[in-house]
Amino acid sequence: MAWTHAGGTQLSLTKAIRSADEPPTSKLQTLRQQHRARALAEHAAIISVEPRASAFGTIVEVITKHERPPGYGFAGVLSVSSGRDEYTVRIAENETFTGRREAVVNTQQWSLGELQIPDVANASGGTPIKGWFQDPYDSTYDEDALNSPSDDVRLDPAFPDHPLTKIRAALANVCASLEIHESSVGPQGPITIPLEPSLGPRRCLTTAVLREVYWTLGRNDLLEKELLAELQSVDPRGTSEEPDVARLLVMLGIVQHNSDHVLFARATLERACKMFESTSGSNHRDVAVALINLGRAQRALTQFREARHSFDRAIAILDQDPGAAGVHLLSAVSLQCDVLAKLGLLTRGDPIMERAQRLQQADPNRGLRTLRELAGGPPTYGKARIVVVPDPKKR
C-alpha cells in the first residue's frame, strides 16, 4: 500500500522475505552493517539505525540519505519482523530547495574555527569540505558516508520544514500509534528482538556550534533548554565554582534576559559574578563581563542605581587592561550612558557620552556577535554571511 501527502511526502507499507543471509540479530553493530550495505546498494547512506520502543516491543528505525541534485533525498523506515517475513513502513521526502540548514551550520563552524574551507574550487565549481561527511557510528565507513553535522537531530526543532525533520517526526508518530493484527504476523506474533542499548549516533556537531545556530536563528527557547541541560550535566548539585560553569551561567543569563525572564537572569548572573570573583579575583575580565550582563538585567528591572554600580565596576576593571576590553567595554560604556540618562545625570558633552561615541566609531565588527563572545569567550575565528545563489538553469 502507498500514500502520497498533499505536500509530496510519500508513505508506503510493504511485506518482504528476509534474506537467509541476514538472520535476526540482537547486535546493533551487525544490524547497522546490514542496513549500511543495503543503503550503499541503493546509492544511499545511513543517517541512523536505532531501536525504538513500540506497543509490540522493540522495532528498528532506519533513516537514509541519497544525492538528488540540487539537494538530497531522505527516507525513513520502521521494520517489524515475523519469522522470515519483514513488514516495512517507509516515508520519503526530497529537498526542493536546499542549502539553508547546511549553510547556517557551515557558517557557525567556520566562525568558531571548526571548519576549513578549501581556497580553490574544483573544475565543476564545487569543493568538498574535508570531514563534512561522517558515518554516524563508525569512522572506518566515512568514505561512503553522507551524514553531515547539519543532519544532527538536535537541529530539527530549529528547521521544522526540512525533509529530515518531517521524516523523523512522522516515524515517531507511526511508532507511537502502530498496531499489528495477529493475522498479519502469524500465530507466533511479531518478533521483537531485545537489542542491546544504543548510545546513539556519534556527534558530528559540537555543542558550541549548536548553541550558535540557535542564537543566530533567535531560538532562545531551544538555547535556554540546551544550556539548562548542560548545566545539569556538569553541575547537578549547583555547587561548582569552576570558571567554565560560570561561563555557561553567563550564557544562560543572556538568553534568559532575551527571553524576558529577567528575574531569572539577574539571579543567574549574580551567581556567575560570585563564582568568577571566587576563582579569578574581583578585578578579572570575566567578572566585568558578568557585571555588564547583570547590569543589563538590573536596568530592565528599572534598578538603575544598581545597574550604574555594576557598569561602573565593569568599566573600571576593563580600563585596567584595554587590550582585553574589546566589545565589552563598548557595551558597558553605552549601557552606562543609558542608565545615567534614566537617572537624569547625563548632559550634552558629558565625557562618558563622548567616549561611547568614539568606541562605536572604532568598532570594526558591528552586528550580531556570537553568544560565546558576549559571554566573555574568545572572539570569532572569522565572519561570514549566507548568500543564496539561484540555479541559472532554472527559472
Protein backbone atom coordinates (compact mmCIF):
# COMPACT_ATOMS: atom_id res chain seq x y z
CA MET A 1 0.00 0.00 0.00
CA ALA A 2 1.20 3.52 -0.73
CA TRP A 3 0.06 7.05 0.01
CA THR A 4 1.24 10.48 -1.10
CA HIS A 5 0.67 13.50 1.11
CA ALA A 6 -0.53 16.74 -0.48
CA GLY A 7 2.89 18.21 0.30
CA GLY A 8 4.65 15.44 -1.63
CA THR A 9 5.67 13.18 1.27
CA GLN A 10 5.41 9.51 0.28
CA LEU A 11 4.43 6.74 2.71
CA SER A 12 4.25 3.02 1.94
CA LEU A 13 3.65 -0.32 3.68
CA THR A 14 5.33 -3.40 2.19
CA LYS A 15 6.00 -7.02 3.04
CA ALA A 16 9.19 -8.82 2.04
CA ILE A 17 11.01 -12.05 2.72
CA ARG A 18 14.08 -11.58 4.87
CA SER A 19 17.22 -12.89 3.24
CA ALA A 20 18.66 -16.04 4.79
CA ASP A 21 22.00 -14.20 4.80
CA GLU A 22 20.53 -11.60 7.20
CA PRO A 23 19.11 -13.52 10.17
CA PRO A 24 17.62 -11.53 13.06
CA THR A 25 20.35 -10.21 15.34
CA SER A 26 20.46 -8.53 18.72
CA LYS A 27 23.82 -6.88 17.97
CA LEU A 28 23.40 -3.27 16.90
CA GLN A 29 26.77 -3.24 15.16
CA THR A 30 25.72 -6.14 12.93
CA LEU A 31 22.32 -4.58 12.29
CA ARG A 32 23.92 -1.30 11.28
CA GLN A 33 26.33 -3.07 8.95
CA GLN A 34 23.38 -4.81 7.26
CA HIS A 35 21.48 -1.58 6.73
CA ARG A 36 24.65 0.25 5.69
CA ALA A 37 25.18 -2.37 2.95
CA ARG A 38 21.52 -2.14 1.86
CA ALA A 39 21.76 1.64 1.60
CA LEU A 40 25.03 1.51 -0.34
CA ALA A 41 23.48 -0.89 -2.85
CA GLU A 42 20.79 1.76 -3.46
CA HIS A 43 23.41 4.56 -3.79
CA ALA A 44 22.46 5.94 -0.37
CA ALA A 45 23.99 6.08 3.11
CA ILE A 46 22.64 5.70 6.64
CA ILE A 47 21.85 8.67 8.86
CA SER A 48 20.79 6.50 11.79
CA VAL A 49 19.89 2.91 12.68
CA GLU A 50 18.25 2.86 16.10
CA PRO A 51 16.00 0.57 18.16
CA ARG A 52 12.62 2.12 19.01
CA ALA A 53 10.08 1.07 21.63
CA SER A 54 6.53 0.36 20.50
CA ALA A 55 3.42 -1.28 21.88
CA PHE A 56 4.66 -4.51 20.26
CA GLY A 57 8.17 -4.38 21.63
CA THR A 58 11.39 -3.18 20.04
CA ILE A 59 11.37 -2.33 16.34
CA VAL A 60 14.09 -0.87 14.17
CA GLU A 61 14.12 2.66 12.76
CA VAL A 62 16.41 3.37 9.82
CA ILE A 63 16.96 6.75 8.15
CA THR A 64 18.94 7.04 4.92
CA LYS A 65 20.09 9.85 2.66
CA HIS A 66 20.91 9.95 -1.04
CA GLU A 67 22.07 12.55 -3.51
CA ARG A 68 19.27 14.15 -5.50
CA PRO A 69 20.64 17.29 -7.17
CA PRO A 70 20.42 20.09 -6.35
CA GLY A 71 19.83 18.71 -2.84
CA TYR A 72 19.31 15.39 -1.10
CA GLY A 73 16.54 12.87 -0.67
CA PHE A 74 15.73 11.26 2.69
CA ALA A 75 13.91 8.06 3.60
CA GLY A 76 12.82 6.68 6.96
CA VAL A 77 11.89 3.06 7.65
CA LEU A 78 10.31 1.15 10.52
CA SER A 79 10.87 -2.62 10.32
CA VAL A 80 8.76 -5.29 12.05
CA SER A 81 9.80 -8.94 11.62
CA SER A 82 7.90 -12.24 11.95
CA GLY A 83 9.89 -15.30 11.05
CA ARG A 84 11.38 -14.54 7.63
CA ASP A 85 8.65 -12.00 6.89
CA GLU A 86 9.59 -8.37 7.24
CA TYR A 87 6.99 -5.59 7.27
CA THR A 88 8.26 -2.16 6.40
CA VAL A 89 6.69 1.27 6.85
CA ARG A 90 8.61 3.70 4.66
CA ILE A 91 8.40 7.50 4.50
CA ALA A 92 10.35 9.51 1.93
CA GLU A 93 10.73 13.17 1.05
CA ASN A 94 13.14 15.11 -1.13
CA GLU A 95 14.54 18.58 -0.78
CA THR A 96 13.01 21.01 -3.25
CA PHE A 97 15.11 23.97 -2.12
CA THR A 98 18.31 23.13 -0.33
CA GLY A 99 21.11 24.83 1.48
CA ARG A 100 19.83 26.89 4.41
CA ARG A 101 20.23 24.26 7.13
CA GLU A 102 23.69 23.34 5.85
CA ALA A 103 24.70 26.97 5.30
CA VAL A 104 23.76 28.05 8.83
CA VAL A 105 25.81 25.20 10.32
CA ASN A 106 28.72 25.82 7.93
CA THR A 107 28.83 29.50 8.84
CA GLN A 108 28.94 28.82 12.57
CA GLN A 109 31.54 26.06 12.26
CA TRP A 110 33.77 28.34 10.20
CA SER A 111 33.24 31.30 12.56
CA LEU A 112 34.34 29.16 15.50
CA GLY A 113 37.37 27.81 13.65
CA GLU A 114 36.00 24.26 13.41
CA LEU A 115 35.79 24.17 9.62
CA GLN A 116 38.43 24.73 6.97
CA ILE A 117 37.06 25.69 3.57
CA PRO A 118 39.44 24.97 0.64
CA ASP A 119 40.75 28.06 -1.14
CA VAL A 120 40.48 26.61 -4.64
CA ALA A 121 37.32 25.15 -6.16
CA ASN A 122 37.49 22.11 -8.42
CA ALA A 123 36.62 22.15 -12.12
CA SER A 124 32.91 21.55 -11.53
CA GLY A 125 32.67 24.61 -9.32
CA GLY A 126 32.08 22.69 -6.06
CA THR A 127 34.70 21.95 -3.44
CA PRO A 128 34.37 19.04 -1.00
CA ILE A 129 34.86 20.08 2.62
CA LYS A 130 37.17 17.67 4.39
CA GLY A 131 35.48 15.85 7.24
CA TRP A 132 32.00 17.18 6.42
CA PHE A 133 30.53 13.70 5.76
CA GLN A 134 30.99 11.13 8.52
CA ASP A 135 29.38 7.77 9.14
CA PRO A 136 27.09 8.15 12.17
CA TYR A 137 28.61 5.18 14.02
CA ASP A 138 31.95 4.05 12.63
CA SER A 139 34.78 6.19 11.21
CA THR A 140 36.01 3.30 9.06
CA TYR A 141 32.98 3.83 6.81
CA ASP A 142 33.41 7.61 6.35
CA GLU A 143 34.42 7.25 2.70
CA ASP A 144 30.88 6.37 1.57
CA ALA A 145 29.08 8.47 4.20
CA LEU A 146 26.55 11.23 3.51
CA ASN A 147 25.75 12.01 7.15
CA SER A 148 26.77 15.59 7.92
CA PRO A 149 26.75 17.88 11.01
CA SER A 150 23.62 19.57 9.68
CA ASP A 151 21.74 16.24 9.96
CA ASP A 152 22.04 16.34 13.77
CA VAL A 153 18.63 15.60 15.33
CA ARG A 154 19.06 18.49 17.77
CA LEU A 155 18.67 20.89 14.83
CA ASP A 156 15.22 19.57 13.90
CA PRO A 157 13.23 21.99 16.11
CA ALA A 158 15.06 24.92 14.51
CA PHE A 159 14.21 23.72 10.98
CA PRO A 160 10.64 22.35 11.20
CA ASP A 161 10.09 22.40 7.41
CA HIS A 162 13.20 20.42 6.48
CA PRO A 163 12.51 16.94 4.98
CA LEU A 164 14.67 15.20 7.59
CA THR A 165 12.76 16.91 10.41
CA LYS A 166 9.44 15.85 8.88
CA ILE A 167 10.55 12.25 8.42
CA ARG A 168 11.79 11.91 12.00
CA ALA A 169 8.53 13.37 13.32
CA ALA A 170 6.43 11.11 11.09
CA LEU A 171 8.35 8.00 12.15
CA ALA A 172 7.84 8.89 15.80
CA ASN A 173 4.09 9.27 15.22
CA VAL A 174 3.86 5.96 13.35
CA CYS A 175 5.89 4.17 16.01
CA ALA A 176 3.66 5.53 18.79
CA SER A 177 0.40 4.57 17.02
CA LEU A 178 1.44 1.31 15.33
CA GLU A 179 -1.00 -1.61 15.61
CA ILE A 180 -0.29 -5.10 14.30
CA HIS A 181 -3.15 -7.54 13.76
CA GLU A 182 -2.48 -11.18 14.64
CA SER A 183 -3.40 -12.35 11.13
CA SER A 184 -0.64 -10.18 9.70
CA VAL A 185 2.19 -11.86 11.56
CA GLY A 186 1.04 -15.40 12.09
CA PRO A 187 0.44 -17.36 15.29
CA GLN A 188 3.89 -16.66 16.68
CA GLY A 189 3.28 -12.89 16.61
CA PRO A 190 5.84 -10.24 15.73
CA ILE A 191 9.44 -10.97 16.57
CA THR A 192 10.80 -8.34 18.95
CA ILE A 193 14.50 -8.88 19.34
CA PRO A 194 15.93 -7.49 22.61
CA LEU A 195 18.53 -5.21 21.07
CA GLU A 196 21.48 -4.06 23.12
CA PRO A 197 21.26 -0.45 24.39
CA SER A 198 22.23 2.25 21.92
CA LEU A 199 24.46 5.21 22.68
CA GLY A 200 23.03 6.95 19.63
CA PRO A 201 24.99 8.39 16.69
CA ARG A 202 28.43 9.83 17.36
CA ARG A 203 28.24 13.61 17.40
CA CYS A 204 29.40 15.46 14.29
CA LEU A 205 28.05 18.78 15.55
CA THR A 206 29.69 20.26 18.62
CA THR A 207 27.63 21.80 21.39
CA ALA A 208 29.38 25.12 20.79
CA VAL A 209 28.11 25.23 17.19
CA LEU A 210 24.65 24.07 18.23
CA ARG A 211 24.41 27.00 20.65
CA GLU A 212 25.44 29.50 17.99
CA VAL A 213 22.96 28.09 15.46
CA TYR A 214 20.13 28.55 17.98
CA TRP A 215 21.46 32.04 18.80
CA THR A 216 21.69 33.09 15.14
CA LEU A 217 18.14 31.88 14.48
CA GLY A 218 16.81 33.68 17.56
CA ARG A 219 15.64 30.43 19.14
CA ASN A 220 16.17 31.46 22.76
CA ASP A 221 13.67 28.79 23.84
CA LEU A 222 15.82 25.99 22.45
CA LEU A 223 19.02 27.65 23.66
CA GLU A 224 17.76 28.05 27.23
CA LYS A 225 16.71 24.39 27.31
CA GLU A 226 20.09 23.29 25.95
CA LEU A 227 22.06 25.38 28.47
CA LEU A 228 19.96 24.19 31.42
CA ALA A 229 20.52 20.57 30.37
CA GLU A 230 24.26 21.16 30.04
CA LEU A 231 24.46 22.80 33.45
CA GLN A 232 22.53 19.92 34.98
CA SER A 233 25.03 17.53 33.43
CA VAL A 234 28.22 19.31 34.56
CA ASP A 235 26.92 20.75 37.85
CA PRO A 236 23.96 18.64 39.06
CA ARG A 237 24.13 20.00 42.63
CA GLY A 238 24.61 23.63 41.66
CA THR A 239 27.69 23.94 43.87
CA SER A 240 30.51 24.18 41.31
CA GLU A 241 32.95 27.10 41.36
CA GLU A 242 34.59 26.25 38.03
CA PRO A 243 35.05 29.15 35.56
CA ASP A 244 33.66 27.04 32.70
CA VAL A 245 30.44 26.54 34.63
CA ALA A 246 30.30 30.26 35.41
CA ARG A 247 30.69 30.97 31.67
CA LEU A 248 27.70 28.73 30.96
CA LEU A 249 25.77 30.69 33.57
CA VAL A 250 26.62 33.96 31.82
CA MET A 251 25.32 32.50 28.54
CA LEU A 252 22.18 31.33 30.30
CA GLY A 253 21.70 34.76 31.87
CA ILE A 254 21.99 36.46 28.47
CA VAL A 255 19.43 34.07 26.97
CA GLN A 256 17.06 34.42 29.92
CA HIS A 257 17.24 38.20 29.59
CA ASN A 258 16.45 37.98 25.88
CA SER A 259 13.51 35.71 26.67
CA ASP A 260 12.11 38.30 29.11
CA HIS A 261 12.90 36.01 32.07
CA VAL A 262 14.71 38.93 33.66
CA LEU A 263 14.36 37.90 37.31
CA PHE A 264 15.88 34.53 36.50
CA ALA A 265 18.60 36.27 34.50
CA ARG A 266 19.52 38.52 37.44
CA ALA A 267 19.81 35.56 39.83
CA THR A 268 21.83 33.54 37.29
CA LEU A 269 24.26 36.39 36.63
CA GLU A 270 24.67 37.24 40.31
CA ARG A 271 25.82 33.67 40.89
CA ALA A 272 28.19 33.85 37.91
CA CYS A 273 29.75 37.07 39.30
CA LYS A 274 30.37 35.46 42.68
CA MET A 275 31.91 32.38 41.05
CA PHE A 276 34.31 34.42 38.91
CA GLU A 277 35.28 36.59 41.89
CA SER A 278 35.95 33.48 43.96
CA THR A 279 38.14 31.75 41.37
CA SER A 280 39.73 34.61 39.40
CA GLY A 281 39.68 37.60 41.73
CA SER A 282 37.44 40.66 41.85
CA ASN A 283 39.35 42.53 39.10
CA HIS A 284 39.32 39.82 36.44
CA ARG A 285 37.91 40.47 32.95
CA ASP A 286 35.38 37.64 33.42
CA VAL A 287 33.94 39.47 36.42
CA ALA A 288 33.49 42.57 34.25
CA VAL A 289 31.65 40.60 31.57
CA ALA A 290 29.31 39.07 34.15
CA LEU A 291 28.73 42.53 35.70
CA ILE A 292 27.83 44.04 32.31
CA ASN A 293 25.15 41.40 31.74
CA LEU A 294 23.97 41.69 35.33
CA GLY A 295 23.66 45.45 34.81
CA ARG A 296 21.51 44.84 31.72
CA ALA A 297 19.13 42.73 33.81
CA GLN A 298 19.07 45.34 36.58
CA ARG A 299 18.34 48.06 34.02
CA ALA A 300 15.44 46.00 32.60
CA LEU A 301 14.06 45.75 36.15
CA THR A 302 14.37 49.57 36.48
CA GLN A 303 17.02 49.10 39.17
CA PHE A 304 19.02 51.94 37.67
CA ARG A 305 21.25 52.71 40.66
CA GLU A 306 22.26 49.05 40.98
CA ALA A 307 22.86 48.90 37.23
CA ARG A 308 25.02 52.03 37.39
CA HIS A 309 27.15 50.43 40.10
CA SER A 310 27.57 47.24 38.00
CA PHE A 311 28.63 49.20 34.92
CA ASP A 312 30.99 51.42 36.95
CA ARG A 313 32.75 48.33 38.31
CA ALA A 314 32.92 46.69 34.87
CA ILE A 315 34.40 49.80 33.23
CA ALA A 316 36.99 50.17 36.00
CA ILE A 317 38.08 46.54 35.54
CA LEU A 318 38.27 46.73 31.74
CA ASP A 319 40.19 50.00 31.82
CA GLN A 320 43.00 48.20 33.63
CA ASP A 321 43.60 46.08 30.51
CA PRO A 322 42.49 47.99 27.37
CA GLY A 323 43.76 45.21 25.12
CA ALA A 324 41.25 42.77 26.58
CA ALA A 325 38.33 45.20 26.74
CA GLY A 326 37.01 44.90 23.18
CA VAL A 327 33.29 44.76 22.61
CA HIS A 328 32.62 44.51 26.34
CA LEU A 329 33.93 48.00 27.10
CA LEU A 330 31.72 49.40 24.34
CA SER A 331 28.70 47.65 25.86
CA ALA A 332 29.50 48.83 29.38
CA VAL A 333 30.01 52.47 28.39
CA SER A 334 26.95 52.59 26.11
CA LEU A 335 24.71 50.99 28.73
CA GLN A 336 26.08 53.29 31.41
CA CYS A 337 25.10 56.30 29.27
CA ASP A 338 21.56 54.97 29.06
CA VAL A 339 21.34 54.40 32.82
CA LEU A 340 22.71 57.85 33.61
CA ALA A 341 20.13 59.34 31.24
CA LYS A 342 17.39 57.43 33.06
CA LEU A 343 18.67 58.89 36.35
CA GLY A 344 18.80 62.41 34.87
CA LEU A 345 22.57 62.59 35.32
CA LEU A 346 23.68 62.73 31.69
CA THR A 347 24.25 66.07 29.98
CA ARG A 348 25.30 67.06 26.49
CA GLY A 349 29.07 66.90 26.15
CA ASP A 350 29.43 64.51 29.07
CA PRO A 351 32.80 62.71 28.80
CA ILE A 352 31.20 59.27 29.05
CA MET A 353 28.85 60.07 26.17
CA GLU A 354 31.78 61.20 24.03
CA ARG A 355 33.66 58.08 24.96
CA ALA A 356 30.72 55.88 23.91
CA GLN A 357 30.63 57.63 20.52
CA ARG A 358 34.37 57.12 19.99
CA LEU A 359 34.11 53.43 20.86
CA GLN A 360 31.19 52.94 18.48
CA GLN A 361 33.09 54.57 15.62
CA ALA A 362 36.15 52.42 16.31
CA ASP A 363 34.21 49.13 16.45
CA PRO A 364 35.27 47.17 13.32
CA ASN A 365 32.81 44.29 13.76
CA ARG A 366 29.34 45.67 14.24
CA GLY A 367 26.37 43.37 14.02
CA LEU A 368 25.34 40.16 15.72
CA ARG A 369 28.03 38.75 18.00
CA THR A 370 28.41 35.10 18.83
CA LEU A 371 26.99 34.07 22.17
CA ARG A 372 30.35 32.80 23.37
CA GLU A 373 31.95 36.21 22.67
CA LEU A 374 29.18 38.06 24.51
CA ALA A 375 29.69 35.70 27.45
CA GLY A 376 33.40 36.50 27.61
CA GLY A 377 34.78 33.76 25.40
CA PRO A 378 37.31 34.30 22.60
CA PRO A 379 36.24 36.32 19.56
CA THR A 380 35.05 34.56 16.45
CA TYR A 381 37.58 33.00 14.11
CA GLY A 382 36.01 34.88 11.21
CA LYS A 383 32.75 36.30 9.99
CA ALA A 384 30.64 35.07 7.09
CA ARG A 385 27.28 35.70 5.57
CA ILE A 386 24.93 33.37 3.73
CA VAL A 387 24.22 34.12 0.09
CA VAL A 388 21.61 32.04 -1.75
CA VAL A 389 22.53 31.79 -5.43
CA PRO A 390 19.70 30.62 -7.73
CA ASP A 391 20.40 27.94 -10.31
CA PRO A 392 20.76 29.78 -13.66
CA LYS A 393 19.36 26.72 -15.47
CA LYS A 394 16.04 27.03 -13.63
CA ARG A 395 13.52 29.82 -13.82
